[in-house]
Protein backbone atom coordinates (compact mmCIF):
# COMPACT_ATOMS: atom_id res chain seq x y z
CA MET A 1 -0.06 -0.07 0.04
CA LYS A 2 1.25 3.58 -1.04
CA THR A 3 0.56 6.25 1.21
CA ALA A 4 0.45 9.85 -0.11
CA PHE A 5 0.46 13.06 2.23
CA ILE A 6 -1.29 16.23 1.06
CA SER A 7 -1.48 19.32 2.89
CA LEU A 8 -4.14 22.03 2.02
CA ALA A 9 -3.65 25.72 3.01
CA LEU A 10 -6.87 27.53 3.43
CA VAL A 11 -5.44 30.80 2.40
CA ALA A 12 -3.98 29.60 -0.89
CA ALA A 13 -5.80 28.43 -4.14
CA VAL A 14 -3.32 25.64 -4.53
CA ALA A 15 -1.60 23.80 -1.79
CA THR A 16 1.69 22.04 -1.59
CA SER A 17 1.97 18.13 -1.69
CA SER A 18 4.30 15.69 -0.85
CA ALA A 19 4.17 11.82 -1.32
CA CYS A 20 5.89 9.14 0.50
CA SER A 21 5.64 5.75 -1.13
CA ARG A 22 7.38 2.37 -1.65
CA ASN A 23 7.69 1.42 -5.35
CA ARG A 24 5.63 -1.66 -6.34
CA ALA A 25 5.19 -3.25 -9.68
CA SER A 26 1.94 -2.95 -11.52
CA ALA A 27 1.35 -6.80 -11.24
CA GLU A 28 1.02 -6.17 -7.55
CA ILE A 29 -1.92 -3.90 -7.81
CA ASP A 30 -5.30 -5.38 -6.87
CA PRO A 31 -8.06 -3.55 -8.67
CA ASN A 32 -10.72 -4.49 -6.26
CA ALA A 33 -8.58 -3.19 -3.21
CA PRO A 34 -10.43 -0.15 -1.75
CA THR A 35 -8.74 3.20 -1.90
CA ILE A 36 -9.05 5.36 1.07
CA VAL A 37 -8.74 9.17 1.66
CA ARG A 38 -8.03 9.93 5.39
CA VAL A 39 -8.75 13.84 6.07
CA ASP A 40 -7.03 15.42 9.22
CA ASN A 41 -9.10 18.58 9.41
CA GLN A 42 -7.03 20.73 11.95
CA ALA A 43 -9.05 23.78 10.92
CA PHE A 44 -12.19 25.40 12.74
CA ASN A 45 -14.44 24.96 9.62
CA ASP A 46 -16.27 21.88 8.74
CA MET A 47 -15.06 21.03 4.93
CA THR A 48 -16.99 19.19 2.40
CA ILE A 49 -14.46 16.99 0.62
CA TYR A 50 -14.38 16.38 -3.06
CA VAL A 51 -12.21 14.12 -5.31
CA VAL A 52 -11.71 15.25 -8.94
CA PRO A 53 -10.38 12.69 -11.61
CA ASP A 54 -8.09 13.74 -14.35
CA VAL A 55 -10.93 13.74 -16.61
CA GLY A 56 -14.43 14.55 -15.27
CA SER A 57 -16.24 16.56 -12.61
CA ARG A 58 -15.71 16.67 -8.92
CA LEU A 59 -17.55 13.75 -6.76
CA ARG A 60 -18.45 14.60 -3.35
CA LEU A 61 -16.94 12.18 -0.68
CA GLY A 62 -18.62 13.59 2.44
CA ILE A 63 -17.99 16.28 5.42
CA ALA A 64 -14.92 16.31 7.55
CA THR A 65 -15.97 18.19 10.85
CA GLY A 66 -13.56 20.56 12.18
CA HIS A 67 -10.70 19.51 14.52
CA THR A 68 -11.60 15.94 13.64
CA GLU A 69 -10.34 13.09 11.44
CA ALA A 70 -12.67 11.55 8.67
CA LYS A 71 -12.14 8.47 6.52
CA PHE A 72 -13.78 8.22 2.98
CA THR A 73 -13.62 5.34 0.35
CA ILE A 74 -13.02 6.71 -3.15
CA PRO A 75 -15.56 4.86 -5.65
CA LYS A 76 -13.68 2.12 -7.44
CA HIS A 77 -14.83 3.53 -10.80
CA LEU A 78 -12.34 6.33 -10.23
CA VAL A 79 -9.44 4.30 -9.39
CA THR A 80 -9.12 1.08 -11.57
CA SER A 81 -5.33 1.60 -12.06
CA ILE A 82 -2.84 4.12 -11.66
CA THR A 83 -4.95 7.32 -11.73
CA SER A 84 -4.39 10.96 -11.22
CA LEU A 85 -6.49 12.76 -8.78
CA ARG A 86 -6.98 16.04 -7.22
CA PHE A 87 -8.87 16.83 -3.88
CA PHE A 88 -11.00 19.91 -2.90
CA ALA A 89 -11.81 20.82 0.59
CA ASP A 90 -14.78 23.33 0.59
CA PRO A 91 -15.25 25.14 3.83
CA ILE A 92 -18.73 25.32 4.99
CA GLY A 93 -19.77 29.06 5.35
CA GLY A 94 -16.45 29.92 3.76
CA ASN A 95 -15.55 31.48 0.38
CA ARG A 96 -12.23 29.73 -0.60
CA THR A 97 -11.94 26.10 -1.84
CA PRO A 98 -8.38 24.94 -1.38
CA VAL A 99 -7.17 22.40 -4.20
CA SER A 100 -4.57 19.74 -4.01
CA GLU A 101 -1.84 19.14 -6.52
CA GLN A 102 -2.46 16.31 -8.90
CA ILE A 103 -1.17 13.03 -7.33
CA GLN A 104 -1.01 9.46 -8.76
CA VAL A 105 -3.16 6.94 -6.88
CA SER A 106 -3.51 3.28 -7.29
CA PRO A 107 -6.23 0.84 -5.98
CA GLY A 108 -5.55 0.02 -2.30
CA ASP A 109 -3.78 3.31 -1.67
CA GLU A 110 -4.44 5.56 1.35
CA VAL A 111 -4.27 9.25 0.74
CA ILE A 112 -3.93 11.30 3.89
CA LEU A 113 -5.32 14.80 3.35
CA ARG A 114 -4.11 17.52 6.08
CA ILE A 115 -6.06 20.59 6.41
CA PRO A 116 -3.93 22.89 8.63
CA PRO A 117 -5.55 25.42 11.15
CA THR A 118 -5.94 28.97 9.79
């Protein structure tokens, strides 16, 4: 399983991201393995979390309450092999929507999305 860490800044339109992973052969990818996004919302605002595939429109994953962690499963039809994704964190009652950089995700990966306090 590969884990990617993404940090979203609420004051910027695009946040920085870094990835920690170990290499694995494409033969090891199980297309039926669930792909998870774990949101560490350190901000006060509740956030509506969206995933955006390379081609297509955004898909709502759920709400990450302020100062809590939430876990969402990315729908299997979005991650059938190595896929490019972005994540949006839309603050409820706010007017800025931070966007992650594009990252590569495979079935069975876990993405950790950190939303820092403002």
